Amino acid sequence: MNGNPLYHGIALAVGTLLVLPLALAVLGGWTPRGLRGRRLAVRPYAWAFLCLYAVMPLNAVPRMIDAPSGVVMACTGLGFGFVVAAAVCFLRAERTPRCVDSRAKS
């Protein structure tokens, strides 16, 4: 069920290098070029990426240490909760500029 730990380690390392620095940089105040006009919505995007990053170690680490299947399934279920939290953050990021625009027009 757990597969080769090397593949999980490589995937975790690549995910850490690609996702984590971006989210931490955005939370630190940096705004990506494509989101500069949506200044209010940048932080929810960063929280969404952090939630998606949390899924990576939750899925990789139990498999790398060859944990029992119950532990692997529990971590996978917890990871699904983080995916839902990321979806909520993405929806909030999309909704925030619309709420501000509608208030400004009133």
N, C-alpha and C. Protein backbone atom coordinates (compact mmCIF):
# COMPACT_ATOMS: atom_id res chain seq x y z
N MET A 1 0.82 -1.20 0.00
CA MET A 1 0.00 0.00 0.00
C MET A 1 0.87 1.26 0.00
N ASN A 2 2.00 1.22 0.69
CA ASN A 2 2.77 2.44 0.87
C ASN A 2 3.72 2.75 -0.28
N GLY A 3 4.14 1.78 -1.02
CA GLY A 3 5.00 2.03 -2.17
C GLY A 3 6.43 2.32 -1.78
N ASN A 4 7.17 2.84 -2.71
CA ASN A 4 8.59 3.13 -2.52
C ASN A 4 8.74 4.46 -1.78
N PRO A 5 9.40 4.48 -0.60
CA PRO A 5 9.55 5.73 0.15
C PRO A 5 10.36 6.78 -0.60
N LEU A 6 11.22 6.35 -1.51
CA LEU A 6 12.01 7.32 -2.27
C LEU A 6 11.11 8.23 -3.11
N TYR A 7 10.11 7.65 -3.74
CA TYR A 7 9.19 8.45 -4.56
C TYR A 7 8.41 9.44 -3.71
N HIS A 8 7.97 9.01 -2.55
CA HIS A 8 7.25 9.92 -1.66
C HIS A 8 8.16 11.03 -1.15
N GLY A 9 9.41 10.70 -0.87
CA GLY A 9 10.36 11.71 -0.43
C GLY A 9 10.66 12.73 -1.51
N ILE A 10 10.81 12.26 -2.74
CA ILE A 10 11.06 13.18 -3.86
C ILE A 10 9.86 14.09 -4.08
N ALA A 11 8.66 13.53 -4.03
CA ALA A 11 7.45 14.34 -4.22
C ALA A 11 7.31 15.36 -3.10
N LEU A 12 7.62 14.98 -1.87
CA LEU A 12 7.54 15.91 -0.76
C LEU A 12 8.57 17.03 -0.90
N ALA A 13 9.77 16.69 -1.32
CA ALA A 13 10.81 17.70 -1.51
C ALA A 13 10.43 18.68 -2.62
N VAL A 14 9.94 18.16 -3.72
CA VAL A 14 9.54 19.04 -4.84
C VAL A 14 8.37 19.93 -4.42
N GLY A 15 7.39 19.35 -3.74
CA GLY A 15 6.25 20.14 -3.27
C GLY A 15 6.67 21.22 -2.29
N THR A 16 7.62 20.87 -1.42
CA THR A 16 8.11 21.86 -0.46
C THR A 16 8.83 23.00 -1.17
N LEU A 17 9.61 22.69 -2.17
CA LEU A 17 10.34 23.73 -2.90
C LEU A 17 9.44 24.60 -3.76
N LEU A 18 8.33 24.05 -4.24
CA LEU A 18 7.46 24.82 -5.14
C LEU A 18 6.34 25.56 -4.42
N VAL A 19 5.74 24.95 -3.42
CA VAL A 19 4.53 25.53 -2.82
C VAL A 19 4.83 26.36 -1.57
N LEU A 20 5.65 25.85 -0.69
CA LEU A 20 5.87 26.51 0.60
C LEU A 20 6.51 27.89 0.48
N PRO A 21 7.56 28.09 -0.31
CA PRO A 21 8.14 29.44 -0.39
C PRO A 21 7.17 30.48 -0.94
N LEU A 22 6.36 30.10 -1.92
CA LEU A 22 5.39 31.04 -2.47
C LEU A 22 4.39 31.48 -1.41
N ALA A 23 3.85 30.54 -0.67
CA ALA A 23 2.86 30.88 0.35
C ALA A 23 3.47 31.73 1.45
N LEU A 24 4.67 31.39 1.89
CA LEU A 24 5.31 32.17 2.95
C LEU A 24 5.70 33.56 2.46
N ALA A 25 6.10 33.68 1.21
CA ALA A 25 6.44 35.00 0.66
C ALA A 25 5.20 35.88 0.58
N VAL A 26 4.10 35.32 0.18
CA VAL A 26 2.85 36.11 0.10
C VAL A 26 2.40 36.53 1.49
N LEU A 27 2.49 35.63 2.45
CA LEU A 27 2.13 36.00 3.82
C LEU A 27 3.10 37.03 4.39
N GLY A 28 4.32 37.04 3.88
CA GLY A 28 5.31 38.03 4.31
C GLY A 28 5.15 39.39 3.66
N GLY A 29 4.25 39.53 2.70
CA GLY A 29 3.99 40.83 2.10
C GLY A 29 4.25 40.93 0.61
N TRP A 30 4.85 39.92 0.00
CA TRP A 30 5.11 39.96 -1.43
C TRP A 30 3.84 39.62 -2.18
N THR A 31 3.58 40.34 -3.26
CA THR A 31 2.38 40.09 -4.06
C THR A 31 2.80 39.67 -5.47
N PRO A 32 2.34 38.49 -5.92
CA PRO A 32 2.65 38.08 -7.29
C PRO A 32 2.10 39.07 -8.31
N ARG A 33 2.76 39.17 -9.44
CA ARG A 33 2.39 40.14 -10.47
C ARG A 33 0.93 39.98 -10.91
N GLY A 34 0.44 38.77 -11.04
CA GLY A 34 -0.93 38.54 -11.50
C GLY A 34 -2.01 38.91 -10.49
N LEU A 35 -1.62 39.11 -9.24
CA LEU A 35 -2.60 39.44 -8.19
C LEU A 35 -2.44 40.85 -7.66
N ARG A 36 -1.64 41.66 -8.29
CA ARG A 36 -1.38 43.01 -7.75
C ARG A 36 -2.62 43.87 -7.68
N GLY A 37 -3.54 43.71 -8.59
CA GLY A 37 -4.76 44.51 -8.55
C GLY A 37 -5.76 44.00 -7.52
N ARG A 38 -5.53 42.81 -6.99
CA ARG A 38 -6.45 42.20 -6.03
C ARG A 38 -5.78 42.12 -4.67
N ARG A 39 -5.31 43.21 -4.19
CA ARG A 39 -4.49 43.25 -2.95
C ARG A 39 -5.21 42.60 -1.77
N LEU A 40 -6.51 42.77 -1.66
CA LEU A 40 -7.24 42.22 -0.53
C LEU A 40 -7.34 40.70 -0.58
N ALA A 41 -7.25 40.13 -1.77
CA ALA A 41 -7.46 38.70 -1.92
C ALA A 41 -6.18 37.89 -1.86
N VAL A 42 -5.04 38.50 -1.65
CA VAL A 42 -3.78 37.79 -1.71
C VAL A 42 -3.60 36.86 -0.50
N ARG A 43 -3.94 37.30 0.69
CA ARG A 43 -3.73 36.49 1.88
C ARG A 43 -4.56 35.20 1.87
N PRO A 44 -5.82 35.22 1.46
CA PRO A 44 -6.54 33.93 1.38
C PRO A 44 -5.91 32.96 0.40
N TYR A 45 -5.32 33.47 -0.68
CA TYR A 45 -4.61 32.58 -1.61
C TYR A 45 -3.42 31.92 -0.90
N ALA A 46 -2.69 32.69 -0.11
CA ALA A 46 -1.55 32.14 0.61
C ALA A 46 -1.99 31.08 1.61
N TRP A 47 -3.08 31.34 2.33
CA TRP A 47 -3.58 30.34 3.28
C TRP A 47 -4.06 29.09 2.55
N ALA A 48 -4.63 29.27 1.37
CA ALA A 48 -5.06 28.11 0.59
C ALA A 48 -3.87 27.27 0.17
N PHE A 49 -2.78 27.92 -0.25
CA PHE A 49 -1.58 27.17 -0.63
C PHE A 49 -0.96 26.47 0.57
N LEU A 50 -1.02 27.10 1.74
CA LEU A 50 -0.50 26.43 2.93
C LEU A 50 -1.35 25.21 3.29
N CYS A 51 -2.66 25.32 3.12
CA CYS A 51 -3.52 24.16 3.36
C CYS A 51 -3.21 23.04 2.37
N LEU A 52 -2.98 23.39 1.13
CA LEU A 52 -2.63 22.37 0.14
C LEU A 52 -1.25 21.78 0.44
N TYR A 53 -0.35 22.60 0.94
CA TYR A 53 0.96 22.07 1.31
C TYR A 53 0.85 21.09 2.47
N ALA A 54 -0.04 21.36 3.42
CA ALA A 54 -0.20 20.48 4.58
C ALA A 54 -0.61 19.07 4.16
N VAL A 55 -1.27 18.95 3.03
CA VAL A 55 -1.68 17.64 2.53
C VAL A 55 -0.45 16.81 2.13
N MET A 56 0.57 17.47 1.63
CA MET A 56 1.74 16.75 1.14
C MET A 56 2.44 15.93 2.22
N PRO A 57 2.85 16.53 3.35
CA PRO A 57 3.48 15.70 4.38
C PRO A 57 2.50 14.72 5.02
N LEU A 58 1.22 15.10 5.10
CA LEU A 58 0.25 14.17 5.67
C LEU A 58 0.12 12.90 4.85
N ASN A 59 0.28 13.00 3.57
CA ASN A 59 0.21 11.82 2.73
C ASN A 59 1.56 11.12 2.57
N ALA A 60 2.64 11.87 2.55
CA ALA A 60 3.95 11.28 2.26
C ALA A 60 4.60 10.64 3.48
N VAL A 61 4.60 11.33 4.61
CA VAL A 61 5.36 10.86 5.77
C VAL A 61 4.88 9.50 6.28
N PRO A 62 3.57 9.29 6.48
CA PRO A 62 3.16 7.95 6.94
C PRO A 62 3.54 6.84 5.97
N ARG A 63 3.53 7.13 4.70
CA ARG A 63 3.90 6.12 3.72
C ARG A 63 5.41 5.90 3.71
N MET A 64 6.18 6.97 3.95
CA MET A 64 7.63 6.83 3.98
C MET A 64 8.10 6.00 5.17
N ILE A 65 7.41 6.11 6.30
CA ILE A 65 7.82 5.36 7.48
C ILE A 65 7.11 4.01 7.55
N ASP A 66 6.37 3.67 6.50
CA ASP A 66 5.66 2.39 6.40
C ASP A 66 4.70 2.19 7.57
N ALA A 67 3.89 3.22 7.82
CA ALA A 67 2.91 3.17 8.90
C ALA A 67 1.80 2.17 8.56
N PRO A 68 1.10 1.69 9.58
CA PRO A 68 -0.03 0.78 9.32
C PRO A 68 -1.10 1.46 8.47
N SER A 69 -1.90 0.67 7.81
CA SER A 69 -2.89 1.22 6.88
C SER A 69 -3.91 2.11 7.59
N GLY A 70 -4.22 1.84 8.84
CA GLY A 70 -5.15 2.71 9.58
C GLY A 70 -4.61 4.12 9.77
N VAL A 71 -3.32 4.21 10.04
CA VAL A 71 -2.68 5.52 10.21
C VAL A 71 -2.64 6.25 8.87
N VAL A 72 -2.31 5.53 7.81
CA VAL A 72 -2.26 6.14 6.48
C VAL A 72 -3.63 6.66 6.08
N MET A 73 -4.66 5.88 6.34
CA MET A 73 -6.02 6.31 5.99
C MET A 73 -6.48 7.49 6.85
N ALA A 74 -6.10 7.50 8.13
CA ALA A 74 -6.46 8.63 9.00
C ALA A 74 -5.78 9.91 8.52
N CYS A 75 -4.52 9.81 8.14
CA CYS A 75 -3.80 10.99 7.63
C CYS A 75 -4.39 11.45 6.30
N THR A 76 -4.80 10.51 5.47
CA THR A 76 -5.44 10.86 4.20
C THR A 76 -6.77 11.57 4.46
N GLY A 77 -7.53 11.10 5.42
CA GLY A 77 -8.79 11.76 5.77
C GLY A 77 -8.57 13.16 6.31
N LEU A 78 -7.55 13.32 7.15
CA LEU A 78 -7.21 14.64 7.65
C LEU A 78 -6.76 15.55 6.51
N GLY A 79 -6.03 14.98 5.56
CA GLY A 79 -5.62 15.75 4.39
C GLY A 79 -6.80 16.23 3.57
N PHE A 80 -7.85 15.41 3.50
CA PHE A 80 -9.06 15.85 2.79
C PHE A 80 -9.66 17.07 3.48
N GLY A 81 -9.58 17.13 4.80
CA GLY A 81 -10.06 18.32 5.52
C GLY A 81 -9.28 19.55 5.12
N PHE A 82 -7.98 19.40 4.93
CA PHE A 82 -7.17 20.53 4.48
C PHE A 82 -7.52 20.95 3.05
N VAL A 83 -7.88 20.00 2.22
CA VAL A 83 -8.30 20.33 0.85
C VAL A 83 -9.59 21.14 0.89
N VAL A 84 -10.51 20.77 1.76
CA VAL A 84 -11.76 21.53 1.91
C VAL A 84 -11.45 22.94 2.43
N ALA A 85 -10.54 23.04 3.40
CA ALA A 85 -10.16 24.36 3.91
C ALA A 85 -9.52 25.20 2.81
N ALA A 86 -8.72 24.59 1.95
CA ALA A 86 -8.12 25.33 0.83
C ALA A 86 -9.19 25.81 -0.13
N ALA A 87 -10.19 24.97 -0.40
CA ALA A 87 -11.28 25.38 -1.29
C ALA A 87 -12.03 26.57 -0.70
N VAL A 88 -12.25 26.55 0.61
CA VAL A 88 -12.92 27.68 1.27
C VAL A 88 -12.08 28.94 1.14
N CYS A 89 -10.77 28.82 1.31
CA CYS A 89 -9.89 29.99 1.16
C CYS A 89 -9.89 30.52 -0.26
N PHE A 90 -9.88 29.61 -1.25
CA PHE A 90 -9.95 30.06 -2.65
C PHE A 90 -11.27 30.77 -2.93
N LEU A 91 -12.36 30.24 -2.41
CA LEU A 91 -13.65 30.90 -2.61
C LEU A 91 -13.69 32.26 -1.92
N ARG A 92 -13.11 32.34 -0.75
CA ARG A 92 -13.07 33.63 -0.04
C ARG A 92 -12.21 34.63 -0.82
N ALA A 93 -11.11 34.16 -1.40
CA ALA A 93 -10.26 35.05 -2.18
C ALA A 93 -10.99 35.56 -3.42
N GLU A 94 -11.82 34.74 -4.01
CA GLU A 94 -12.59 35.18 -5.18
C GLU A 94 -13.71 36.12 -4.78
N ARG A 95 -14.27 35.92 -3.62
CA ARG A 95 -15.43 36.72 -3.21
C ARG A 95 -15.03 38.07 -2.62
N THR A 96 -13.85 38.17 -2.04
CA THR A 96 -13.43 39.40 -1.36
C THR A 96 -13.45 40.63 -2.27
N PRO A 97 -12.86 40.61 -3.46
CA PRO A 97 -12.89 41.82 -4.30
C PRO A 97 -14.32 42.21 -4.71
N ARG A 98 -15.18 41.24 -4.91
CA ARG A 98 -16.56 41.55 -5.28
C ARG A 98 -17.29 42.24 -4.15
N CYS A 99 -17.05 41.80 -2.92
CA CYS A 99 -17.69 42.44 -1.78
C CYS A 99 -17.21 43.88 -1.62
N VAL A 100 -15.91 44.11 -1.82
CA VAL A 100 -15.36 45.45 -1.71
C VAL A 100 -15.90 46.33 -2.82
N ASP A 101 -15.99 45.79 -4.05
CA ASP A 101 -16.51 46.57 -5.19
C ASP A 101 -17.96 46.94 -4.97
N SER A 102 -18.77 46.01 -4.45
CA SER A 102 -20.17 46.31 -4.25
C SER A 102 -20.37 47.34 -3.14
N ARG A 103 -19.51 47.34 -2.14
CA ARG A 103 -19.58 48.36 -1.08
C ARG A 103 -19.18 49.72 -1.61
N ALA A 104 -18.18 49.75 -2.51
CA ALA A 104 -17.70 51.02 -3.06
C ALA A 104 -18.76 51.64 -3.97
N LYS A 105 -19.55 50.82 -4.65
CA LYS A 105 -20.57 51.35 -5.55
C LYS A 105 -21.77 51.88 -4.80
N SER A 106 -22.00 51.40 -3.59
CA SER A 106 -23.18 51.83 -2.82
C SER A 106 -23.04 53.22 -2.29
